[in-house]
Every structure is written in C-alpha cells, then in structure tokens.
C-alpha atoms as a PDB file:
ATOM      1  CA  MET A   1      32.918  18.216 -76.619  1.00  0.00           C
ATOM      2  CA  ASN A   2      35.019  19.759 -73.894  1.00  0.00           C
ATOM      3  CA  ILE A   3      36.835  22.862 -75.087  1.00  0.00           C
ATOM      4  CA  ASN A   4      36.706  24.601 -71.747  1.00  0.00           C
ATOM      5  CA  ALA A   5      40.437  25.386 -71.730  1.00  0.00           C
ATOM      6  CA  PRO A   6      40.178  27.871 -74.618  1.00  0.00           C
ATOM      7  CA  ILE A   7      37.282  29.572 -72.872  1.00  0.00           C
ATOM      8  CA  ARG A   8      39.362  30.091 -69.751  1.00  0.00           C
ATOM      9  CA  ALA A   9      42.122  31.531 -71.898  1.00  0.00           C
ATOM     10  CA  MET A  10      39.720  34.000 -73.515  1.00  0.00           C
ATOM     11  CA  ALA A  11      38.464  35.069 -70.118  1.00  0.00           C
ATOM     12  CA  SER A  12      42.016  36.024 -69.117  1.00  0.00           C
ATOM     13  CA  LEU A  13      42.619  38.346 -72.058  1.00  0.00           C
ATOM     14  CA  SER A  14      41.637  41.353 -69.978  1.00  0.00           C
ATOM     15  CA  VAL A  15      44.388  40.682 -67.435  1.00  0.00           C
ATOM     16  CA  VAL A  16      47.129  38.762 -69.250  1.00  0.00           C
ATOM     17  CA  LEU A  17      48.861  41.461 -71.252  1.00  0.00           C
ATOM     18  CA  PHE A  18      52.273  41.701 -72.887  1.00  0.00           C
ATOM     19  CA  ALA A  19      54.197  44.940 -72.887  1.00  0.00           C
ATOM     20  CA  GLY A  20      56.088  46.423 -75.761  1.00  0.00           C
ATOM     21  CA  CYS A  21      55.954  48.692 -78.759  1.00  0.00           C
ATOM     22  CA  VAL A  22      55.269  46.425 -81.695  1.00  0.00           C
ATOM     23  CA  GLU A  23      54.456  46.850 -85.370  1.00  0.00           C
ATOM     24  CA  ASN A  24      51.507  44.400 -85.305  1.00  0.00           C
ATOM     25  CA  GLY A  25      50.801  42.952 -81.882  1.00  0.00           C
ATOM     26  CA  PHE A  26      48.027  40.718 -83.217  1.00  0.00           C
ATOM     27  CA  LYS A  27      50.692  38.903 -85.244  1.00  0.00           C
ATOM     28  CA  GLU A  28      53.622  39.041 -82.814  1.00  0.00           C
ATOM     29  CA  PHE A  29      51.657  37.852 -79.764  1.00  0.00           C
ATOM     30  CA  TYR A  30      49.347  35.401 -81.529  1.00  0.00           C
ATOM     31  CA  GLN A  31      49.075  32.033 -79.750  1.00  0.00           C
ATOM     32  CA  PRO A  32      47.280  29.083 -81.377  1.00  0.00           C
ATOM     33  CA  THR A  33      44.696  27.242 -79.280  1.00  0.00           C
ATOM     34  CA  ASN A  34      45.217  23.543 -78.565  1.00  0.00           C
ATOM     35  CA  LEU A  35      41.766  21.968 -78.681  1.00  0.00           C
ATOM     36  CA  GLY A  36      42.809  18.331 -78.749  1.00  0.00           C
ATOM     37  CA  PRO A  37      42.291  15.579 -81.320  1.00  0.00           C
ATOM     38  CA  TYR A  38      38.507  15.947 -81.700  1.00  0.00           C
ATOM     39  CA  ALA A  39      38.472  19.541 -82.984  1.00  0.00           C
ATOM     40  CA  ARG A  40      38.061  19.685 -86.747  1.00  0.00           C
ATOM     41  CA  PHE A  41      37.629  22.836 -88.792  1.00  0.00           C
ATOM     42  CA  GLN A  42      35.894  23.520 -92.059  1.00  0.00           C
ATOM     43  CA  PRO A  43      37.971  25.132 -94.835  1.00  0.00           C
ATOM     44  CA  TYR A  44      38.619  28.842 -94.478  1.00  0.00           C
ATOM     45  CA  SER A  45      35.808  30.848 -96.059  1.00  0.00           C
ATOM     46  CA  GLY A  46      38.299  33.244 -97.626  1.00  0.00           C
ATOM     47  CA  SER A  47      36.805  36.260 -95.859  1.00  0.00           C
ATOM     48  CA  THR A  48      37.580  37.527 -92.345  1.00  0.00           C
ATOM     49  CA  GLN A  49      34.881  39.456 -90.491  1.00  0.00           C
ATOM     50  CA  VAL A  50      36.091  41.630 -87.580  1.00  0.00           C
ATOM     51  CA  TYR A  51      33.750  42.519 -84.700  1.00  0.00           C
ATOM     52  CA  THR A  52      34.312  44.706 -81.662  1.00  0.00           C
ATOM     53  CA  SER A  53      33.505  42.982 -78.366  1.00  0.00           C
ATOM     54  CA  THR A  54      32.689  44.428 -74.967  1.00  0.00           C
ATOM     55  CA  ASN A  55      32.820  40.975 -73.344  1.00  0.00           C
ATOM     56  CA  LEU A  56      35.135  38.487 -75.042  1.00  0.00           C
ATOM     57  CA  PRO A  57      34.140  35.418 -72.961  1.00  0.00           C
ATOM     58  CA  ALA A  58      30.396  35.966 -73.451  1.00  0.00           C
ATOM     59  CA  ASP A  59      30.738  36.733 -77.142  1.00  0.00           C
ATOM     60  CA  GLY A  60      33.022  33.707 -77.492  1.00  0.00           C
ATOM     61  CA  ASP A  61      30.318  31.499 -75.997  1.00  0.00           C
ATOM     62  CA  HIS A  62      27.884  32.899 -78.546  1.00  0.00           C
ATOM     63  CA  LEU A  63      30.218  31.876 -81.374  1.00  0.00           C
ATOM     64  CA  LEU A  64      30.655  28.415 -79.845  1.00  0.00           C
ATOM     65  CA  GLN A  65      26.888  28.064 -79.781  1.00  0.00           C
ATOM     66  CA  GLN A  66      26.775  29.008 -83.466  1.00  0.00           C
ATOM     67  CA  GLY A  67      29.269  26.282 -84.364  1.00  0.00           C
ATOM     68  CA  TYR A  68      32.632  28.083 -84.350  1.00  0.00           C
ATOM     69  CA  LEU A  69      35.857  27.084 -82.601  1.00  0.00           C
ATOM     70  CA  PRO A  70      38.750  29.334 -81.511  1.00  0.00           C
ATOM     71  CA  LEU A  71      41.885  29.089 -83.635  1.00  0.00           C
ATOM     72  CA  GLY A  72      43.969  31.261 -81.327  1.00  0.00           C
ATOM     73  CA  GLN A  73      44.235  34.523 -79.457  1.00  0.00           C
ATOM     74  CA  ALA A  74      46.478  37.545 -78.970  1.00  0.00           C
ATOM     75  CA  SER A  75      46.793  40.038 -76.125  1.00  0.00           C
ATOM     76  CA  PHE A  76      49.257  42.895 -75.662  1.00  0.00           C
ATOM     77  CA  GLN A  77      49.609  46.550 -74.748  1.00  0.00           C
ATOM     78  CA  THR A  78      51.292  49.221 -76.771  1.00  0.00           C
ATOM     79  CA  GLY A  79      51.732  52.945 -77.222  1.00  0.00           C
ATOM     80  CA  ARG A  80      51.626  52.659 -81.004  1.00  0.00           C
ATOM     81  CA  ARG A  81      48.602  53.197 -83.206  1.00  0.00           C
ATOM     82  CA  THR A  82      46.689  49.975 -83.897  1.00  0.00           C
ATOM     83  CA  THR A  83      44.519  49.662 -87.005  1.00  0.00           C
ATOM     84  CA  LEU A  84      41.691  47.453 -88.205  1.00  0.00           C
ATOM     85  CA  SER A  85      43.831  46.301 -91.124  1.00  0.00           C
ATOM     86  CA  GLN A  86      46.351  44.769 -88.690  1.00  0.00           C
ATOM     87  CA  ILE A  87      43.588  42.594 -87.210  1.00  0.00           C
ATOM     88  CA  GLN A  88      42.336  41.610 -90.652  1.00  0.00           C
ATOM     89  CA  ASP A  89      45.849  40.783 -91.875  1.00  0.00           C
ATOM     90  CA  GLN A  90      46.420  38.367 -88.982  1.00  0.00           C
ATOM     91  CA  GLY A  91      42.915  36.930 -89.348  1.00  0.00           C
ATOM     92  CA  LYS A  92      43.562  36.138 -93.012  1.00  0.00           C
ATOM     93  CA  ALA A  93      47.018  34.749 -92.202  1.00  0.00           C
ATOM     94  CA  VAL A  94      45.569  32.135 -89.804  1.00  0.00           C
ATOM     95  CA  GLY A  95      42.371  31.533 -91.812  1.00  0.00           C
ATOM     96  CA  ALA A  96      39.889  33.001 -89.331  1.00  0.00           C
ATOM     97  CA  ASP A  97      36.304  33.470 -90.469  1.00  0.00           C
ATOM     98  CA  ILE A  98      35.623  35.802 -87.523  1.00  0.00           C
ATOM     99  CA  VAL A  99      37.812  37.886 -85.214  1.00  0.00           C
ATOM    100  CA  LEU A 100      36.527  39.323 -81.945  1.00  0.00           C
ATOM    101  CA  TRP A 101      38.616  42.129 -80.494  1.00  0.00           C
ATOM    102  CA  ALA A 102      38.500  44.504 -77.555  1.00  0.00           C
ATOM    103  CA  SER A 103      40.610  47.381 -76.290  1.00  0.00           C
ATOM    104  CA  ALA A 104      41.047  49.338 -73.081  1.00  0.00           C
ATOM    105  CA  ASP A 105      42.672  52.716 -72.454  1.00  0.00           C
ATOM    106  CA  LEU A 106      45.522  52.431 -69.957  1.00  0.00           C
ATOM    107  CA  GLY A 107      46.064  56.189 -69.708  1.00  0.00           C
ATOM    108  CA  THR A 108      49.240  58.125 -70.343  1.00  0.00           C
ATOM    109  CA  GLU A 109      52.764  57.957 -69.005  1.00  0.00           C
ATOM    110  CA  GLN A 110      55.699  60.309 -69.179  1.00  0.00           C
ATOM    111  CA  ALA A 111      58.978  59.252 -70.718  1.00  0.00           C
ATOM    112  CA  ALA A 112      62.101  60.775 -72.216  1.00  0.00           C
ATOM    113  CA  VAL A 113      63.911  59.975 -75.434  1.00  0.00           C
ATOM    114  CA  PRO A 114      67.467  61.004 -76.331  1.00  0.00           C
ATOM    115  CA  LEU A 115      67.733  63.679 -79.009  1.00  0.00           C
ATOM    116  CA  LEU A 116      71.145  63.776 -80.743  1.00  0.00           C
ATOM    117  CA  GLN A 117      72.159  67.198 -81.984  1.00  0.00           C
ATOM    118  CA  TYR A 118      75.065  68.148 -84.266  1.00  0.00           C
ATOM    119  CA  HIS A 119      76.872  71.431 -83.786  1.00  0.00           C
ATOM    120  CA  PRO A 120      78.852  72.458 -86.890  1.00  0.00           C
ATOM    121  CA  GLY A 121      82.468  73.535 -86.546  1.00  0.00           C
ATOM    122  CA  THR A 122      83.574  77.151 -87.075  1.00  0.00           C
ATOM    123  CA  THR A 123      85.677  78.534 -89.920  1.00  0.00           C
ATOM    124  CA  SER A 124      87.960  81.584 -89.425  1.00  0.00           C
ATOM    125  CA  MET A 125      90.094  83.561 -91.871  1.00  0.00           C
ATOM    126  CA  THR A 126      93.358  85.331 -90.996  1.00  0.00           C
ATOM    127  CA  ASN A 127      94.819  88.110 -93.160  1.00  0.00           C
ATOM    128  CA  THR A 128      98.576  88.839 -93.009  1.00  0.00           C
ATOM    129  CA  TYR A 129     100.435  91.702 -94.637  1.00  0.00           C
ATOM    130  CA  GLY A 130     103.686  93.730 -94.272  1.00  0.00           C
ATOM    131  CA  THR A 131     106.930  94.934 -95.863  1.00  0.00           C
ATOM    132  CA  ALA A 132     110.035  92.871 -96.439  1.00  0.00           C
ATOM    133  CA  THR A 133     113.596  94.185 -96.949  1.00  0.00           C
ATOM    134  CA  ALA A 134     116.293  92.235 -98.749  1.00  0.00           C
ATOM    135  CA  ASN A 135     120.074  93.063 -98.649  1.00  0.00           C
ATOM    136  CA  ALA A 136     122.612  91.702-101.074  1.00  0.00           C
ATOM    137  CA  TYR A 137     126.431  91.893-101.114  1.00  0.00           C
ATOM    138  CA  GLY A 138     128.673  91.115-104.092  1.00  0.00           C
ATOM    139  CA  SER A 139     131.867  91.986-105.924  1.00  0.00           C
ATOM    140  CA  GLY A 140     130.088  94.884-107.505  1.00  0.00           C
ATOM    141  CA  GLY A 141     129.033  96.437-104.238  1.00  0.00           C
ATOM    142  CA  TYR A 142     126.054  96.574-101.903  1.00  0.00           C
ATOM    143  CA  ALA A 143     122.274  96.609-102.781  1.00  0.00           C
ATOM    144  CA  THR A 144     119.059  96.957-100.814  1.00  0.00           C
ATOM    145  CA  ALA A 145     115.452  96.202-101.982  1.00  0.00           C
ATOM    146  CA  ASN A 146     112.077  96.665-100.271  1.00  0.00           C
ATOM    147  CA  GLY A 147     108.722  94.854-101.050  1.00  0.00           C
ATOM    148  CA  ASN A 148     105.170  94.559 -99.686  1.00  0.00           C
ATOM    149  CA  TYR A 149     103.355  91.211 -99.051  1.00  0.00           C
ATOM    150  CA  SER A 150      99.839  90.119 -98.088  1.00  0.00           C
ATOM    151  CA  GLY A 151      98.034  86.739 -97.663  1.00  0.00           C
ATOM    152  CA  THR A 152      94.918  84.962 -96.280  1.00  0.00           C
ATOM    153  CA  SER A 153      94.747  81.682 -94.276  1.00  0.00           C
ATOM    154  CA  THR A 154      91.610  79.650 -93.345  1.00  0.00           C
ATOM    155  CA  THR A 155      91.229  77.624 -90.128  1.00  0.00           C
ATOM    156  CA  THR A 156      88.284  75.186 -89.565  1.00  0.00           C
ATOM    157  CA  THR A 157      87.423  73.476 -86.242  1.00  0.00           C
ATOM    158  CA  PRO A 158      85.592  70.078 -86.324  1.00  0.00           C
ATOM    159  CA  GLY A 159      81.882  69.834 -85.435  1.00  0.00           C
ATOM    160  CA  THR A 160      80.649  68.362 -82.142  1.00  0.00           C
ATOM    161  CA  PHE A 161      77.657  66.270 -80.991  1.00  0.00           C
ATOM    162  CA  SER A 162      75.496  66.614 -77.881  1.00  0.00           C
ATOM    163  CA  THR A 163      72.601  64.565 -76.452  1.00  0.00           C
ATOM    164  CA  GLN A 164      69.525  66.150 -74.943  1.00  0.00           C
ATOM    165  CA  MET A 165      66.709  64.184 -73.241  1.00  0.00           C
ATOM    166  CA  MET A 166      63.386  65.168 -74.776  1.00  0.00           C
ATOM    167  CA  PRO A 167      60.253  64.633 -72.593  1.00  0.00           C
ATOM    168  CA  ILE A 168      57.315  62.897 -74.350  1.00  0.00           C
ATOM    169  CA  THR A 169      53.825  61.676 -73.393  1.00  0.00           C
ATOM    170  CA  ILE A 170      52.909  58.098 -74.363  1.00  0.00           C
ATOM    171  CA  HIS A 171      49.259  57.038 -74.674  1.00  0.00           C
ATOM    172  CA  ARG A 172      49.035  53.306 -73.897  1.00  0.00           C
ATOM    173  CA  SER A 173      46.216  50.899 -74.722  1.00  0.00           C
ATOM    174  CA  ALA A 174      45.587  47.188 -74.124  1.00  0.00           C
ATOM    175  CA  PHE A 175      44.274  44.964 -76.918  1.00  0.00           C
ATOM    176  CA  GLY A 176      42.864  41.441 -76.960  1.00  0.00           C
ATOM    177  CA  ALA A 177      41.536  39.378 -79.865  1.00  0.00           C
ATOM    178  CA  THR A 178      40.230  35.854 -80.459  1.00  0.00           C
ATOM    179  CA  PHE A 179      40.281  34.219 -83.900  1.00  0.00           C
ATOM    180  CA  TRP A 180      37.516  31.800 -84.979  1.00  0.00           C
ATOM    181  CA  ARG A 181      36.622  29.410 -87.789  1.00  0.00           C
ATOM    182  CA  ARG A 182      33.511  27.336 -88.336  1.00  0.00           C
ATOM    183  CA  ARG A 183      33.895  23.776 -87.127  1.00  0.00           C
ATOM    184  CA  ILE A 184      32.880  20.451 -88.610  1.00  0.00           C
ATOM    185  CA  PRO A 185      29.893  19.443 -86.428  1.00  0.00           C
ATOM    186  CA  GLY A 186      30.637  16.946 -83.684  1.00  0.00           C
ATOM    187  CA  PRO A 187      28.462  13.880 -83.007  1.00  0.00           C
ATOM    188  CA  LEU A 188      26.438  15.335 -80.115  1.00  0.00           C
ATOM    189  CA  GLY A 189      26.937  19.107 -80.198  1.00  0.00           C
ATOM    190  CA  ILE A 190      27.615  20.124 -76.620  1.00  0.00           C
ATOM    191  CA  GLN A 191      30.401  21.577 -74.543  1.00  0.00           C
ATOM    192  CA  SER A 192      30.640  19.802 -71.208  1.00  0.00           C
ATOM    193  CA  VAL A 193      32.889  20.039 -68.162  1.00  0.00           C
ATOM    194  CA  ASP A 194      33.466  18.098 -64.965  1.00  0.00           C
ATOM    195  CA  LEU A 195      31.221  18.963 -62.049  1.00  0.00           C
ATOM    196  CA  PRO A 196      32.480  22.014 -60.115  1.00  0.00           C
ATOM    197  CA  ALA A 197      32.927  21.699 -56.352  1.00  0.00           C
ATOM    198  CA  ASP A 198      29.724  23.536 -55.391  1.00  0.00           C
ATOM    199  CA  MET A 199      27.603  21.308 -57.650  1.00  0.00           C
ATOM    200  CA  ARG A 200      29.219  18.168 -56.227  1.00  0.00           C
ATOM    201  CA  GLN A 201      28.154  19.286 -52.779  1.00  0.00           C
ATOM    202  CA  ALA A 202      24.641  20.160 -53.939  1.00  0.00           C
ATOM    203  CA  LEU A 203      24.117  16.872 -55.811  1.00  0.00           C
ATOM    204  CA  GLN A 204      26.112  14.776 -53.344  1.00  0.00           C
ATOM    205  CA  ARG A 205      28.016  13.112 -56.205  1.00  0.00           C
ATOM    206  CA  ASN A 206      31.426  13.393 -57.874  1.00  0.00           C
ATOM    207  CA  THR A 207      30.700  11.729 -61.203  1.00  0.00           C
ATOM    208  CA  GLY A 208      28.970  13.046 -64.292  1.00  0.00           C
ATOM    209  CA  SER A 209      29.563  15.649 -67.003  1.00  0.00           C
ATOM    210  CA  LEU A 210      27.933  19.081 -66.775  1.00  0.00           C
ATOM    211  CA  VAL A 211      26.502  20.481 -70.026  1.00  0.00           C
ATOM    212  CA  ARG A 212      27.865  23.995 -70.271  1.00  0.00           C
ATOM    213  CA  LEU A 213      26.709  24.899 -73.766  1.00  0.00           C
ATOM    214  CA  VAL A 214      24.517  23.412 -76.520  1.00  0.00           C
ATOM    215  CA  ILE A 215      25.334  24.128 -80.185  1.00  0.00           C
ATOM    216  CA  ASP A 216      22.460  25.379 -82.321  1.00  0.00           C
ATOM    217  CA  ASP A 217      20.760  22.785 -84.592  1.00  0.00           C
ATOM    218  CA  SER A 218      22.923  19.966 -83.206  1.00  0.00           C
ATOM    219  CA  PRO A 219      21.557  16.537 -82.152  1.00  0.00           C
ATOM    220  CA  ALA A 220      21.682  17.706 -78.515  1.00  0.00           C
ATOM    221  CA  PHE A 221      19.749  20.861 -79.431  1.00  0.00           C
ATOM    222  CA  LYS A 222      17.046  18.872 -81.245  1.00  0.00           C
ATOM    223  CA  ALA A 223      16.829  16.401 -78.332  1.00  0.00           C
ATOM    224  CA  ASN A 224      16.175  19.329 -75.951  1.00  0.00           C
ATOM    225  CA  ILE A 225      19.300  18.839 -73.867  1.00  0.00           C
ATOM    226  CA  LEU A 226      19.846  22.064 -71.923  1.00  0.00           C
ATOM    227  CA  PRO A 227      22.794  23.875 -70.369  1.00  0.00           C
ATOM    228  CA  GLY A 228      22.931  22.839 -66.720  1.00  0.00           C
ATOM    229  CA  ASP A 229      21.956  19.217 -67.383  1.00  0.00           C
ATOM    230  CA  VAL A 230      24.319  16.647 -65.871  1.00  0.00           C
ATOM    231  CA  ILE A 231      24.928  13.554 -67.999  1.00  0.00           C
ATOM    232  CA  ILE A 232      25.322  10.607 -65.637  1.00  0.00           C
ATOM    233  CA  GLN A 233      24.970   7.645 -68.039  1.00  0.00           C
ATOM    234  CA  PHE A 234      25.717   6.974 -71.708  1.00  0.00           C
ATOM    235  CA  ASN A 235      24.073   3.892 -73.216  1.00  0.00           C
ATOM    236  CA  GLY A 236      23.591   2.497 -69.709  1.00  0.00           C
ATOM    237  CA  ALA A 237      27.241   2.965 -68.654  1.00  0.00           C
ATOM    238  CA  ASP A 238      28.107   5.424 -65.905  1.00  0.00           C
ATOM    239  CA  VAL A 239      29.790   8.668 -66.974  1.00  0.00           C
ATOM    240  CA  TYR A 240      32.615   9.275 -64.508  1.00  0.00           C
ATOM    241  CA  SER A 241      34.190  12.351 -66.118  1.00  0.00           C
ATOM    242  CA  THR A 242      34.104  14.471 -69.240  1.00  0.00           C
ATOM    243  CA  ALA A 243      37.426  13.007 -70.398  1.00  0.00           C
ATOM    244  CA  SER A 244      35.913   9.513 -70.481  1.00  0.00           C
ATOM    245  CA  PHE A 245      32.634  10.711 -71.979  1.00  0.00           C
ATOM    246  CA  ILE A 246      34.064  12.380 -75.121  1.00  0.00           C
ATOM    247  CA  PRO A 247      35.689   9.258 -76.655  1.00  0.00           C
ATOM    248  CA  ALA A 248      32.461   7.300 -76.081  1.00  0.00           C
ATOM    249  CA  ILE A 249      30.491   9.895 -78.056  1.00  0.00           C
ATOM    250  CA  TYR A 250      32.832   9.759 -81.033  1.00  0.00           C
ATOM    251  CA  ALA A 251      32.947   5.970 -80.952  1.00  0.00           C
ATOM    252  CA  ALA A 252      29.148   5.923 -81.343  1.00  0.00           C
ATOM    253  CA  ALA A 253      28.972   8.580 -84.103  1.00  0.00           C
ATOM    254  CA  GLY A 254      26.015   8.006 -86.453  1.00  0.00           C
ATOM    255  CA  GLN A 255      24.157   5.811 -83.984  1.00  0.00           C
ATOM    256  CA  GLU A 256      21.121   6.363 -81.796  1.00  0.00           C
ATOM    257  CA  VAL A 257      22.262   6.528 -78.179  1.00  0.00           C
ATOM    258  CA  THR A 258      20.585   6.843 -74.789  1.00  0.00           C
ATOM    259  CA  LEU A 259      21.613   9.545 -72.332  1.00  0.00           C
ATOM    260  CA  THR A 260      20.556   9.614 -68.708  1.00  0.00           C
ATOM    261  CA  ILE A 261      20.664  13.123 -67.275  1.00  0.00           C
ATOM    262  CA  LEU A 262      19.976  14.947 -64.041  1.00  0.00           C
ATOM    263  CA  ARG A 263      17.891  18.087 -64.479  1.00  0.00           C
ATOM    264  CA  GLY A 264      17.257  19.763 -61.177  1.00  0.00           C
ATOM    265  CA  ASN A 265      16.052  17.040 -58.825  1.00  0.00           C
ATOM    266  CA  SER A 266      14.750  14.687 -61.501  1.00  0.00           C
ATOM    267  CA  THR A 267      16.352  12.039 -63.700  1.00  0.00           C
ATOM    268  CA  ARG A 268      15.503  11.808 -67.405  1.00  0.00           C
ATOM    269  CA  THR A 269      16.346   9.413 -70.209  1.00  0.00           C
ATOM    270  CA  ILE A 270      16.803  10.948 -73.652  1.00  0.00           C
ATOM    271  CA  LYS A 271      17.431   9.177 -76.990  1.00  0.00           C
ATOM    272  CA  VAL A 272      19.650  11.041 -79.459  1.00  0.00           C
ATOM    273  CA  ARG A 273      20.673  10.259 -83.045  1.00  0.00           C
ATOM    274  CA  LEU A 274      24.310  11.351 -83.261  1.00  0.00           C
ATOM    275  CA  ASN A 275      25.920  12.991 -86.273  1.00  0.00           C
ATOM    276  CA  GLN A 276      28.339  11.007 -88.376  1.00  0.00           C
END
C-alpha cells in the first residue's frame, strides 16, 4: 500500500515549524494524516506509549514495518516549558497507541516585556490657627470680643501609572511528534512507490512499482519479497504505476496471486496468498 505522502511529511518535521507561545503545541498544531480509502485502523488500545526519537523518518519506517500507520503529526517551536503529559494527553485524545517525538534547542533570544507600575498619590495635612475679633454695636452701647481658632485640612493627590520595559531572555525549542495506531493488515503488506527518476534511467523503463518497505509477518514478507524489488506484473497484467496497482491488490484479497518482479538484473515470478 502506498502511504509515501505521510512519510514525506514526517521527514519535514525538522524544518517545518510553527512559531508561537502555546499552552499545548501538540494539540494546537496537530494535523491528521490523509492516508486514502485503503487505510484501516484497529481499535485504540487504550494506552499511549511515548518514545523519544533521534530520527523521526527512520523510526517511522520501523513502526510501518511493525504494522502501524500514522494518525497525524504536530510540529512547532515555543519558549514555554513542554511536558511529557502534554504529549500523552494529545495521544490519548486522538487514540494513538504510540507517539514518537523529538526536540531541538534553538538557543536564546532577548526580548522586552512592558512592566506597569502604580505610583500612589500623596496625602498632606494643613494646620490653621489664629485669633478673631468681633465688634458689636447696639442701643446699649459698644462691645468687643476676642477668640482663638485652630483647624486641620487634608489634601490627597491621585496616583499615577508608568510603563517600564523589562529585558528578558527567552529559551526557545522546536518540537515534532508523530502519532501512530496499529493498522488492520492489508492484503499484501508492502509500501510501494512509483519508480524514481534515477531508477528509470538505470532500468530503462518508466512502468512498475518499487517496493519501499515490507511489513513483518505479512504475505509479502512470507513470500520473500524484498525492499528494492520492482513489481512489473500482477496476475499477468502489466503494472504501470502504484496508483493502478493498489486497487488490483484489494480486488484480489484472499486469493493466490502471481507477481512478476525485477530484482537487480533478473526477473522472478512469485506466488502469494493475500490476506482477506
């Protein structure tokens, strides 16, 4: 079965990165993989195993060989702390039996964040005191009185705000992860692709389907089909491309079929009993 597109996507995880400070990048930047109508998954095991990878494409091929298919992938970069529980949470959310993840240190960068400061207002008190004289005139004559007075008044000014730019150091890292679940076995158990340009020149032919990978314990594995074989005929009919070869395999599921292959400079005919 040709699932080469997901493999190319996994190979690009080290260079296709999304920027941003996120709470859980494995969730926010998760992208499901479109494998086409022939990809069928077994039920989720209920447990997600997380493994660190130093080579996502190579480790992905190993999982393909063991009978897993990629559900999706996520890649991003962030200055926030990333935890194993974030990977497991997203793995459980999408029903992944296995998650492969890798990280790379991108170094540090300098930045500045605004710091808002409040400056309280001031309160002042004013004391007043003195002597007052009062004069009164009436029919009875003239009178004068003297008295002392004192008092206190309070004045408050409103508070103010100011903004100061605070320098900080951000440690940035890049993360990539692929999410996998065990597949329902296909009829033949291979991953095949169209012939690349250099092989077309070497074989002097355009047609055929190149076996890229053989799944363990599959009909192809038991029939000793090997990576690098080129399938040129299926039940006596020419194989022009991988796209035309896949439907023919599924149409013959459960039957014994005959494959004609090129291995090196020789041609071989192999009989295979396909899975249901």
